[in-house]
C-alpha cells in the first residue's frame, strides 16, 4: 500500500474560516425556484407556497448565505416586477435562459424564505440592461427602515422591518459576450464604481463585490481584473470568481485533480488584486468571493440559444456520482486552503440546477451524492485553517500536470481543541495509508473517520434510490502517542475528526 505523511501543527495557520465560505446560489433558472424551493400545492408547502421538504434539506446542507437572483438572469431582470400583489405581476421573457418568468417569487418572498431556513441573502443588481438608479432604489427598498418612497412601499407590502441585506454583487459576469449588456472592462469598471458610490450613499454599511472574470479560460482573464479593480478598488470589498469543472472523456485522473486548477486560479486573482493594491497605494486587501463553483458537465448542455421558450423548463439537471462528490469535497479543500483571502463561496446552485438537492413536482426531494461532503465540511470545517503538506507520490495529468495522490487540509476549533482533517485519495484503484504527525496536540485522544467512497465510482442517488451514496464510518483510525494512522480508500473523500 502506498503511504502519505503529513504534519498538523497549530503554528501552520492560514486563516480563520468565514462561515460564508459555505454559501450557495439561487437563480431564476430552470426548476431552481419554481418546483424546487417554491411549489404551492405540494404536500409539504407552507402557507407561502415554499416546500418544507426542500427547506429541511437546505438547513441540513448548512448554507449561511445564498446569492440571488442570478446569475445571467439578473442582467435582464427588473426587480420591481417581483413586488406587490402576485396576481398583478407581469409575465416576462427571460432572455438569459429563454424562459417565461412569472415573477411569483421576488424580493419579499425570497427574503421570507431565507429567514425560515436561517440564511442571509447576497443580492445581485442588474448592471446589464439597467444601472445606478435601479440599484440604489433596490437598496432603499430592502434596507431603509421607512419614510421614503421605496421603503414605505416595502412596508405596504407587509415587511415593516428592513431586510438589512449586507452583501451585494455589482452585476454578473459582465466580461462574457453571452451576457445581456456585456461591457468592456473599462465600461464595466466605471459603471460599477458609480453604482457602488450611489448604493453606499443609501446604506454606508454595504459589502460590495465587483465582477471578476467568468472563468480562468476567458481571453481577457487577468487584464479584466486589473482594469476593473483599478476603477473600483476603493469602493468594493471583494472581487468575484467563477469556476466549473467536469470530466472530459475518459480522463478521470485530470478531473480528480480539478482542485489544483482552482488553486492556481485563486492564486492568480489574488496576485492581480495585490498588484493593483501596490500600484494604487491602497491600504486594504481585497477579499475573494468565489460565488459560483461546482461540477457542471457543460458539454452536455445544448446552450441557451438552442432552447425552446418555456415556463419552468428542466435545465442543467446534472446527476452526480461518487466521483463528482470526491471532486466537490476536494474543491472545498482548495477554498479552505485559501481562507485568508476567500471570504465568500457559493456552490452553484442550490436546488435542481447542478445542485446538491433534487426535487420532483408534487413528489419527493433527495440528496445528491455531492450533498454529503458539502454538508459535512460546512458543519465541521469551522475555525482556523491549518496548512498541511502531504508527502506522497504524484501522478501526471493531461490538464493539471503533476499532482499529489493525496490532497488535504486541517481545521482547528480553538474553543474545543478539536481538529478536523479533510483529505481525498485520487488514486483510482488503491488505498493509501495515511500517517499524521500530531505531536503538537497532547490533548487529542479519539479519532472518528467518515468517508465517501464506493466500489462503483459512478454510483448515484436518485428518486428511487436516494441513499445509494451516503457517508459511512470507518473503524480504522489509530491514535497513539501523537500519531494518527488511517487508510484512505481508493477514489475517496474523508473527514477525520480528532477530539
Protein backbone atom coordinates (compact mmCIF):
# COMPACT_ATOMS: atom_id res chain seq x y z
CA UNK A 1 0.00 0.00 0.00
CA UNK A 2 1.27 3.47 -0.86
CA UNK A 3 1.58 5.94 2.00
CA UNK A 4 1.12 9.65 2.67
CA UNK A 5 2.66 11.53 5.55
CA UNK A 6 1.70 14.94 6.86
CA UNK A 7 2.04 17.11 9.95
CA UNK A 8 -0.75 19.01 11.67
CA UNK A 9 0.54 21.82 13.86
CA UNK A 10 -1.23 24.90 15.30
CA UNK A 11 1.73 27.02 14.18
CA UNK A 12 0.92 26.43 10.49
CA UNK A 13 -2.05 28.80 10.35
CA UNK A 14 -3.62 30.04 7.12
CA UNK A 15 -6.60 32.00 8.41
CA UNK A 16 -9.98 31.83 10.08
CA UNK A 17 -12.88 30.34 8.14
CA UNK A 18 -15.54 32.89 7.25
CA UNK A 19 -18.80 30.87 7.53
CA UNK A 20 -19.93 32.49 4.27
CA UNK A 21 -17.39 30.25 2.54
CA UNK A 22 -20.19 27.65 2.64
CA UNK A 23 -22.76 29.72 0.76
CA UNK A 24 -24.90 28.69 -2.19
CA UNK A 25 -26.70 30.23 -5.15
CA UNK A 26 -30.33 30.52 -6.25
CA UNK A 27 -31.04 31.78 -9.75
CA UNK A 28 -34.32 32.06 -11.60
CA UNK A 29 -33.16 29.29 -13.92
CA UNK A 30 -34.99 26.08 -14.78
CA UNK A 31 -36.54 24.50 -11.70
CA UNK A 32 -34.32 26.03 -9.04
CA UNK A 33 -37.01 28.38 -7.69
CA UNK A 34 -40.25 27.04 -9.14
CA UNK A 35 -40.92 23.40 -8.10
CA UNK A 36 -37.57 23.50 -6.32
CA UNK A 37 -37.93 25.99 -3.49
CA UNK A 38 -41.46 27.14 -4.26
CA UNK A 39 -44.42 24.97 -5.18
CA UNK A 40 -47.85 25.92 -3.87
CA UNK A 41 -49.99 22.81 -3.69
CA UNK A 42 -47.11 20.50 -2.85
CA UNK A 43 -47.96 18.31 0.18
CA UNK A 44 -45.14 19.92 2.17
CA UNK A 45 -45.76 23.54 1.09
CA UNK A 46 -46.20 26.15 3.81
CA UNK A 47 -48.74 28.97 3.72
CA UNK A 48 -46.41 30.99 1.47
CA UNK A 49 -46.02 28.16 -1.06
CA UNK A 50 -42.47 27.09 -0.15
CA UNK A 51 -41.66 23.38 0.01
CA UNK A 52 -40.71 22.39 3.53
CA UNK A 53 -39.07 19.15 2.45
CA UNK A 54 -36.63 21.25 0.44
CA UNK A 55 -36.25 23.75 3.28
CA UNK A 56 -35.31 20.94 5.68
CA UNK A 57 -32.57 19.78 3.31
CA UNK A 58 -31.29 23.34 2.89
CA UNK A 59 -30.98 23.64 6.68
CA UNK A 60 -29.14 20.31 6.78
CA UNK A 61 -26.80 21.41 3.99
CA UNK A 62 -25.75 24.40 6.12
CA UNK A 63 -25.59 27.46 3.85
CA UNK A 64 -25.26 30.73 5.79
CA UNK A 65 -25.59 32.93 2.69
CA UNK A 66 -27.34 32.50 -0.68
CA UNK A 67 -26.62 34.58 -3.78
CA UNK A 68 -29.81 35.74 -5.55
CA UNK A 69 -31.43 36.15 -8.14
CA UNK A 70 -28.63 35.45 -10.63
CA UNK A 71 -26.54 34.74 -12.50
CA UNK A 72 -27.16 35.51 -16.14
CA UNK A 73 -30.80 36.06 -15.24
CA UNK A 74 -30.07 39.24 -13.28
CA UNK A 75 -28.64 41.08 -16.30
CA UNK A 76 -32.13 41.41 -17.80
CA UNK A 77 -34.16 41.45 -14.56
CA UNK A 78 -36.50 44.21 -13.40
CA UNK A 79 -36.71 43.68 -9.65
CA UNK A 80 -39.85 45.82 -9.47
CA UNK A 81 -41.70 43.09 -11.42
CA UNK A 82 -41.39 40.80 -8.39
CA UNK A 83 -43.02 43.00 -5.73
CA UNK A 84 -46.64 43.85 -4.92
CA UNK A 85 -49.76 41.70 -5.38
CA UNK A 86 -48.73 38.43 -7.02
CA UNK A 87 -51.78 38.38 -9.30
CA UNK A 88 -50.77 41.73 -10.80
CA UNK A 89 -47.15 40.86 -11.59
CA UNK A 90 -46.12 40.70 -15.25
CA UNK A 91 -45.00 37.56 -17.04
CA UNK A 92 -41.68 38.36 -18.67
CA UNK A 93 -39.49 36.69 -21.26
CA UNK A 94 -36.12 35.94 -19.69
CA UNK A 95 -33.57 36.14 -22.49
CA UNK A 96 -30.74 34.60 -20.44
CA UNK A 97 -32.39 31.16 -20.31
CA UNK A 98 -35.23 31.69 -22.84
CA UNK A 99 -37.83 31.08 -20.17
CA UNK A 100 -41.10 32.63 -19.06
CA UNK A 101 -40.58 34.32 -15.69
CA UNK A 102 -43.88 34.51 -13.79
CA UNK A 103 -42.47 36.71 -11.01
CA UNK A 104 -44.47 34.81 -8.41
CA UNK A 105 -41.30 34.83 -6.31
CA UNK A 106 -39.48 38.12 -5.90
CA UNK A 107 -37.53 40.06 -3.30
CA UNK A 108 -40.09 39.87 -0.50
CA UNK A 109 -40.89 36.19 -0.95
CA UNK A 110 -37.24 35.23 -1.14
CA UNK A 111 -36.41 37.20 1.99
CA UNK A 112 -39.19 35.45 3.87
CA UNK A 113 -37.91 32.06 2.70
CA UNK A 114 -34.31 32.94 3.65
CA UNK A 115 -35.40 33.81 7.18
CA UNK A 116 -37.19 30.47 7.60
CA UNK A 117 -34.10 28.44 6.60
CA UNK A 118 -31.68 30.60 8.59
CA UNK A 119 -29.64 32.09 5.76
CA UNK A 120 -28.70 35.57 4.58
CA UNK A 121 -29.12 36.94 1.08
CA UNK A 122 -26.29 38.03 -1.16
CA UNK A 123 -28.19 40.28 -3.56
CA UNK A 124 -27.12 40.91 -7.15
CA UNK A 125 -28.07 44.06 -9.05
CA UNK A 126 -28.63 44.39 -12.80
CA UNK A 127 -25.74 46.20 -14.49
CA UNK A 128 -26.57 44.71 -17.87
CA UNK A 129 -29.77 46.39 -19.05
CA UNK A 130 -30.05 48.72 -16.06
CA UNK A 131 -27.71 50.53 -13.70
CA UNK A 132 -27.30 53.10 -10.95
CA UNK A 133 -30.91 54.15 -10.43
CA UNK A 134 -32.38 50.64 -10.23
CA UNK A 135 -29.59 49.52 -7.90
CA UNK A 136 -29.91 52.39 -5.44
CA UNK A 137 -33.71 52.01 -5.43
CA UNK A 138 -33.40 48.31 -4.60
CA UNK A 139 -31.08 49.09 -1.68
CA UNK A 140 -33.61 51.66 -0.47
CA UNK A 141 -36.44 49.13 -0.77
CA UNK A 142 -34.51 46.47 1.16
CA UNK A 143 -32.52 48.36 3.78
CA UNK A 144 -34.06 51.73 4.66
CA UNK A 145 -36.40 51.43 7.69
CA UNK A 146 -39.08 53.79 6.34
CA UNK A 147 -40.03 57.31 5.44
CA UNK A 148 -39.03 57.14 1.77
CA UNK A 149 -40.89 56.05 -1.35
CA UNK A 150 -39.29 52.63 -1.79
CA UNK A 151 -39.02 51.77 1.90
CA UNK A 152 -42.64 52.72 2.52
CA UNK A 153 -43.64 50.58 -0.46
CA UNK A 154 -41.88 47.61 1.17
CA UNK A 155 -43.77 48.30 4.39
CA UNK A 156 -47.02 48.47 2.43
CA UNK A 157 -46.19 45.03 1.02
CA UNK A 158 -46.05 43.62 4.54
CA UNK A 159 -42.41 43.92 5.59
CA UNK A 160 -42.34 46.53 8.36
CA UNK A 161 -38.69 45.90 9.21
CA UNK A 162 -35.88 46.44 6.71
CA UNK A 163 -34.12 43.34 5.38
CA UNK A 164 -30.67 44.74 6.12
CA UNK A 165 -29.02 42.84 3.27
CA UNK A 166 -25.29 43.31 3.72
CA UNK A 167 -23.57 41.73 0.70
CA UNK A 168 -24.31 42.92 -2.85
CA UNK A 169 -22.94 41.86 -6.24
CA UNK A 170 -22.34 44.61 -8.78
CA UNK A 171 -23.71 42.69 -11.76
CA UNK A 172 -22.80 39.25 -13.05
CA UNK A 173 -20.12 38.01 -15.49
CA UNK A 174 -20.02 41.30 -17.35
CA UNK A 175 -16.90 40.13 -19.22
CA UNK A 176 -18.92 37.42 -21.01
CA UNK A 177 -20.15 38.09 -24.59
CA UNK A 178 -23.18 35.92 -23.75
CA UNK A 179 -24.19 38.37 -21.02
CA UNK A 180 -27.06 40.77 -21.72
CA UNK A 181 -25.40 44.18 -21.59
CA UNK A 182 -21.86 42.79 -21.93
CA UNK A 183 -19.26 45.51 -21.41
CA UNK A 184 -15.57 46.09 -21.78
CA UNK A 185 -13.53 46.11 -18.58
CA UNK A 186 -13.30 49.91 -18.61
CA UNK A 187 -17.04 50.36 -19.27
CA UNK A 188 -17.96 47.97 -16.50
CA UNK A 189 -15.39 49.36 -14.06
CA UNK A 190 -16.70 52.91 -14.40
CA UNK A 191 -20.34 51.80 -14.05
CA UNK A 192 -19.57 49.57 -11.07
CA UNK A 193 -17.68 52.41 -9.38
CA UNK A 194 -20.52 54.90 -9.75
CA UNK A 195 -23.16 52.32 -8.81
CA UNK A 196 -21.22 51.39 -5.68
CA UNK A 197 -20.99 55.05 -4.66
CA UNK A 198 -24.75 55.55 -5.04
CA UNK A 199 -25.62 52.32 -3.20
CA UNK A 200 -23.37 53.26 -0.29
CA UNK A 201 -24.97 56.69 -0.09
CA UNK A 202 -28.21 54.86 0.65
CA UNK A 203 -26.57 52.41 3.06
CA UNK A 204 -22.91 53.00 4.03
CA UNK A 205 -22.64 49.56 5.67
CA UNK A 206 -22.87 47.56 2.44
CA UNK A 207 -20.26 44.97 1.48
CA UNK A 208 -19.78 45.04 -2.30
CA UNK A 209 -18.45 42.52 -4.83
CA UNK A 210 -17.01 43.55 -8.22
CA UNK A 211 -17.26 41.17 -11.18
CA UNK A 212 -14.07 39.30 -11.92
CA UNK A 213 -13.59 37.08 -14.95
CA UNK A 214 -16.27 34.50 -15.73
CA UNK A 215 -13.59 31.81 -15.81
CA UNK A 216 -9.87 31.23 -15.96
CA UNK A 217 -10.25 30.44 -19.68
CA UNK A 218 -11.55 33.85 -20.71
CA UNK A 219 -9.15 35.56 -23.18
CA UNK A 220 -9.37 38.74 -21.08
CA UNK A 221 -8.58 36.99 -17.78
CA UNK A 222 -6.10 38.96 -15.72
CA UNK A 223 -6.32 42.13 -17.76
CA UNK A 224 -10.05 42.29 -16.90
CA UNK A 225 -9.35 42.14 -13.16
CA UNK A 226 -6.53 44.65 -13.43
CA UNK A 227 -8.65 47.22 -15.29
CA UNK A 228 -11.82 46.73 -13.25
CA UNK A 229 -10.04 46.88 -9.90
CA UNK A 230 -8.09 49.99 -10.94
CA UNK A 231 -11.51 51.66 -11.28
CA UNK A 232 -13.25 50.12 -8.25
CA UNK A 233 -10.63 49.20 -5.64
CA UNK A 234 -11.62 51.84 -3.09
CA UNK A 235 -15.38 51.21 -3.35
CA UNK A 236 -15.57 47.40 -3.26
CA UNK A 237 -14.62 44.74 -0.72
CA UNK A 238 -14.31 41.64 -2.89
CA UNK A 239 -13.72 40.53 -6.46
CA UNK A 240 -15.74 37.59 -7.76
CA UNK A 241 -14.51 34.32 -9.22
CA UNK A 242 -16.49 31.67 -11.12
CA UNK A 243 -15.25 28.17 -11.87
CA UNK A 244 -16.93 25.00 -13.14
CA UNK A 245 -15.27 21.63 -13.57
CA UNK A 246 -16.11 18.44 -15.46
CA UNK A 247 -14.60 15.18 -16.61
CA UNK A 248 -13.58 15.22 -20.27
CA UNK A 249 -13.94 11.84 -21.96
CA UNK A 250 -12.26 9.05 -20.00
CA UNK A 251 -9.73 11.32 -18.30
CA UNK A 252 -10.83 10.76 -14.72
CA UNK A 253 -7.35 11.46 -13.40
CA UNK A 254 -7.42 15.07 -14.60
CA UNK A 255 -10.93 15.54 -13.24
CA UNK A 256 -9.88 14.33 -9.80
CA UNK A 257 -7.13 16.97 -9.89
CA UNK A 258 -9.58 19.84 -10.55
CA UNK A 259 -8.73 21.45 -7.20
CA UNK A 260 -5.17 22.02 -8.43
CA UNK A 261 -6.67 24.19 -11.17
CA UNK A 262 -8.81 26.03 -8.61
CA UNK A 263 -5.67 26.67 -6.52
CA UNK A 264 -3.88 28.27 -9.46
CA UNK A 265 -6.95 30.31 -10.38
CA UNK A 266 -7.27 31.76 -6.87
CA UNK A 267 -3.55 32.45 -6.63
CA UNK A 268 -3.64 34.35 -9.94
CA UNK A 269 -6.58 36.55 -8.91
CA UNK A 270 -5.00 37.28 -5.52
CA UNK A 271 -1.76 38.26 -7.26
CA UNK A 272 -3.60 40.59 -9.64
CA UNK A 273 -5.59 42.22 -6.83
CA UNK A 274 -2.43 42.74 -4.80
CA UNK A 275 -0.68 44.25 -7.83
CA UNK A 276 -3.49 46.83 -8.12
CA UNK A 277 -3.21 47.44 -4.38
CA UNK A 278 0.51 48.12 -4.70
CA UNK A 279 0.37 50.32 -7.80
CA UNK A 280 -2.62 52.27 -6.45
CA UNK A 281 -1.08 52.72 -2.98
CA UNK A 282 -4.21 51.23 -1.39
CA UNK A 283 -4.16 50.11 2.24
CA UNK A 284 -6.84 47.43 2.39
CA UNK A 285 -6.56 43.93 0.93
CA UNK A 286 -9.47 42.75 -1.21
CA UNK A 287 -11.25 39.54 -0.41
CA UNK A 288 -12.27 36.87 -2.90
CA UNK A 289 -15.91 35.96 -3.46
CA UNK A 290 -15.85 32.62 -5.28
CA UNK A 291 -19.58 32.98 -5.80
CA UNK A 292 -20.10 30.35 -8.50
CA UNK A 293 -18.37 26.99 -8.35
CA UNK A 294 -19.35 23.38 -8.85
CA UNK A 295 -19.05 20.35 -11.07
CA UNK A 296 -21.01 21.14 -14.23
CA UNK A 297 -20.99 18.97 -17.34
CA UNK A 298 -21.28 21.90 -19.72
CA UNK A 299 -20.51 19.64 -22.67
CA UNK A 300 -23.95 18.05 -22.15
CA UNK A 301 -25.77 21.41 -22.26
CA UNK A 302 -27.10 22.41 -25.66
CA UNK A 303 -26.63 26.12 -24.95
CA UNK A 304 -29.06 28.95 -24.32
CA UNK A 305 -29.68 29.83 -27.98
CA UNK A 306 -30.92 26.30 -28.72
CA UNK A 307 -33.61 26.36 -26.03
CA UNK A 308 -37.33 26.49 -26.73
CA UNK A 309 -39.17 29.19 -24.79
CA UNK A 310 -40.95 27.54 -21.85
CA UNK A 311 -42.13 28.12 -18.30
CA UNK A 312 -40.10 26.30 -15.63
CA UNK A 313 -38.17 24.05 -18.04
CA UNK A 314 -35.88 21.27 -16.85
CA UNK A 315 -32.48 22.80 -17.48
CA UNK A 316 -28.99 21.65 -16.47
CA UNK A 317 -30.19 18.99 -14.02
CA UNK A 318 -26.90 17.11 -13.79
CA UNK A 319 -26.91 13.86 -11.81
CA UNK A 320 -23.84 13.48 -9.62
CA UNK A 321 -21.77 10.39 -8.88
CA UNK A 322 -19.35 9.33 -6.16
CA UNK A 323 -16.53 10.67 -8.33
CA UNK A 324 -18.26 14.05 -8.55
CA UNK A 325 -18.71 14.05 -4.76
CA UNK A 326 -14.97 13.45 -4.25
CA UNK A 327 -14.17 16.36 -6.57
CA UNK A 328 -16.63 18.67 -4.79
CA UNK A 329 -15.07 17.71 -1.47
CA UNK A 330 -11.63 18.46 -2.90
CA UNK A 331 -12.75 21.86 -4.24
CA UNK A 332 -13.86 22.69 -0.71
CA UNK A 333 -10.37 21.77 0.48
CA UNK A 334 -8.98 24.28 -2.02
CA UNK A 335 -11.30 27.03 -0.77
CA UNK A 336 -10.33 26.31 2.83
CA UNK A 337 -6.66 26.36 1.87
CA UNK A 338 -7.21 29.98 0.76
CA UNK A 339 -9.31 31.03 3.76
CA UNK A 340 -7.02 34.00 4.34
CA UNK A 341 -8.44 35.59 1.17
CA UNK A 342 -11.56 33.67 0.12
CA UNK A 343 -14.30 35.09 2.33
CA UNK A 344 -17.38 34.02 0.40
CA UNK A 345 -18.10 30.89 -1.64
CA UNK A 346 -21.33 29.93 -3.40
CA UNK A 347 -21.98 26.38 -4.57
CA UNK A 348 -23.95 26.87 -7.77
CA UNK A 349 -26.76 26.08 -7.50
CA UNK A 350 -28.91 25.04 -4.53
CA UNK A 351 -31.81 23.02 -5.95
CA UNK A 352 -32.30 21.00 -9.18
CA UNK A 353 -29.93 23.05 -11.38
CA UNK A 354 -26.44 21.48 -11.00
CA UNK A 355 -27.45 21.13 -7.38
CA UNK A 356 -26.91 19.01 -4.26
CA UNK A 357 -30.68 18.86 -3.72
CA UNK A 358 -33.18 17.44 -6.22
CA UNK A 359 -36.98 17.55 -6.23
CA UNK A 360 -39.88 16.27 -8.27
CA UNK A 361 -43.01 18.41 -8.79
CA UNK A 362 -45.63 17.15 -6.37
CA UNK A 363 -43.23 14.44 -5.24
CA UNK A 364 -40.08 13.66 -3.33
CA UNK A 365 -36.87 15.54 -2.61
CA UNK A 366 -33.49 13.89 -2.08
CA UNK A 367 -29.78 14.47 -1.55
CA UNK A 368 -27.41 14.05 -4.45
CA UNK A 369 -24.01 12.42 -3.79
CA UNK A 370 -22.37 15.88 -3.70
CA UNK A 371 -24.66 16.95 -0.84
CA UNK A 372 -22.71 14.94 1.70
CA UNK A 373 -19.14 16.32 1.51
CA UNK A 374 -20.56 19.85 1.40
CA UNK A 375 -22.86 19.38 4.41
CA UNK A 376 -20.15 17.72 6.50
CA UNK A 377 -17.50 20.30 5.63
CA UNK A 378 -19.91 23.15 6.36
CA UNK A 379 -20.82 21.62 9.71
CA UNK A 380 -17.35 20.67 10.93
CA UNK A 381 -15.00 22.90 8.91
CA UNK A 382 -15.28 25.90 11.21
CA UNK A 383 -12.33 27.52 12.97
CA UNK A 384 -8.70 28.13 12.00
CA UNK A 385 -7.38 26.54 8.83
CA UNK A 386 -4.01 24.82 9.19
CA UNK A 387 -1.69 24.16 6.28
CA UNK A 388 -0.64 20.57 5.76
CA UNK A 389 1.77 19.40 3.09
CA UNK A 390 1.29 15.69 2.33
CA UNK A 391 4.47 13.81 1.45
CA UNK A 392 3.07 11.41 -1.13
CA UNK A 393 3.67 10.17 -4.64
CA UNK A 394 2.48 12.29 -7.56
CA UNK A 395 0.79 11.31 -10.79
CA UNK A 396 0.73 13.03 -14.16
CA UNK A 397 -2.44 14.52 -15.63
CA UNK A 398 -3.17 15.93 -19.06
CA UNK A 399 -4.90 19.04 -17.68
CA UNK A 400 -3.11 19.86 -14.43
CA UNK A 401 0.35 18.37 -14.84
CA UNK A 402 1.80 16.51 -11.86
CA UNK A 403 -0.43 16.47 -8.77
CA UNK A 404 -0.17 14.60 -5.46
CA UNK A 405 -2.26 11.47 -4.97
CA UNK A 406 -3.50 12.85 -1.65
CA UNK A 407 -4.75 16.38 -1.01
CA UNK A 408 -5.66 17.56 2.48
CA UNK A 409 -6.29 20.46 4.83
CA UNK A 410 -6.97 20.71 8.57
CA UNK A 411 -9.29 22.96 10.58
CA UNK A 412 -8.73 23.63 14.28
CA UNK A 413 -11.51 24.67 16.66
CA UNK A 414 -9.65 26.67 19.32
CA UNK A 415 -12.68 26.67 21.63
CA UNK A 416 -13.00 22.89 21.86
CA UNK A 417 -9.43 21.98 20.97
CA UNK A 418 -10.68 19.61 18.28
CA UNK A 419 -9.09 19.18 14.87
CA UNK A 420 -10.77 18.05 11.66
CA UNK A 421 -8.72 16.69 8.77
CA UNK A 422 -10.28 16.69 5.29
CA UNK A 423 -8.49 14.53 2.71
CA UNK A 424 -9.00 12.99 -0.72
CA UNK A 425 -7.33 9.94 -2.25
CA UNK A 426 -7.12 10.50 -6.00
CA UNK A 427 -5.81 7.01 -6.77
CA UNK A 428 -8.40 5.22 -8.88
CA UNK A 429 -7.79 1.70 -7.55
CA UNK A 430 -5.53 1.65 -4.50
CA UNK A 431 -5.98 2.70 -0.86
CA UNK A 432 -3.33 4.93 0.68
CA UNK A 433 -2.04 4.61 4.23
CA UNK A 434 -2.21 7.99 5.97
CA UNK A 435 0.35 8.76 8.68
CA UNK A 436 -0.27 12.04 10.54
CA UNK A 437 2.19 13.63 12.96
CA UNK A 438 0.20 15.19 15.82
CA UNK A 439 2.98 15.63 18.37
CA UNK A 440 1.92 19.25 19.00
CA UNK A 441 -1.52 18.05 20.17
CA UNK A 442 -1.19 16.38 23.57
CA UNK A 443 -4.92 16.57 24.34
CA UNK A 444 -6.27 14.61 21.34
CA UNK A 445 -7.42 11.17 22.44
CA UNK A 446 -10.04 9.96 19.95
CA UNK A 447 -10.48 9.81 16.18
CA UNK A 448 -13.56 9.29 14.00
CA UNK A 449 -13.23 8.60 10.27
CA UNK A 450 -16.14 9.38 7.91
CA UNK A 451 -15.71 8.52 4.24
CA UNK A 452 -17.44 8.81 0.88
CA UNK A 453 -16.32 6.04 -1.46
CA UNK A 454 -17.89 3.18 -3.37
CA UNK A 455 -16.90 0.08 -5.31
CA UNK A 456 -18.70 1.76 -8.22
CA UNK A 457 -17.24 5.27 -8.75
CA UNK A 458 -20.24 6.08 -10.96
CA UNK A 459 -22.83 5.25 -8.27
CA UNK A 460 -25.52 7.92 -7.86
CA UNK A 461 -28.52 8.83 -5.75
CA UNK A 462 -31.88 9.23 -7.47
CA UNK A 463 -35.54 9.36 -6.51
CA UNK A 464 -35.82 5.55 -6.45
CA UNK A 465 -32.54 5.09 -4.55
CA UNK A 466 -31.97 8.29 -2.54
CA UNK A 467 -29.47 6.68 -0.15
CA UNK A 468 -27.31 4.70 -2.56
CA UNK A 469 -24.40 7.05 -1.81
CA UNK A 470 -24.05 8.12 1.83
CA UNK A 471 -21.16 8.85 4.19
CA UNK A 472 -20.02 5.79 6.14
CA UNK A 473 -17.99 5.38 9.30
CA UNK A 474 -14.70 3.51 9.09
CA UNK A 475 -13.23 1.81 12.15
CA UNK A 476 -9.62 2.07 11.02
CA UNK A 477 -8.14 5.20 12.65
CA UNK A 478 -5.45 4.59 15.29
CA UNK A 479 -4.40 7.46 17.53
CA UNK A 480 -1.42 6.76 19.74
CA UNK A 481 1.42 8.84 21.10
CA UNK A 482 0.75 11.88 18.94
CA UNK A 483 0.49 9.86 15.74
CA UNK A 484 -2.64 9.11 13.70
CA UNK A 485 -2.83 6.25 11.24
CA UNK A 486 -5.74 5.58 8.88
CA UNK A 487 -6.40 4.20 5.42
CA UNK A 488 -7.90 6.34 2.67
CA UNK A 489 -9.94 4.12 0.31
CA UNK A 490 -9.34 4.49 -3.42
CA UNK A 491 -11.11 7.42 -5.07
CA UNK A 492 -12.46 8.77 -1.80
CA UNK A 493 -13.18 11.84 0.29
CA UNK A 494 -12.52 11.56 4.02
CA UNK A 495 -13.18 13.57 7.16
CA UNK A 496 -11.24 12.54 10.27
CA UNK A 497 -12.40 14.26 13.44
CA UNK A 498 -9.91 14.37 16.32
CA UNK A 499 -11.16 15.32 19.75
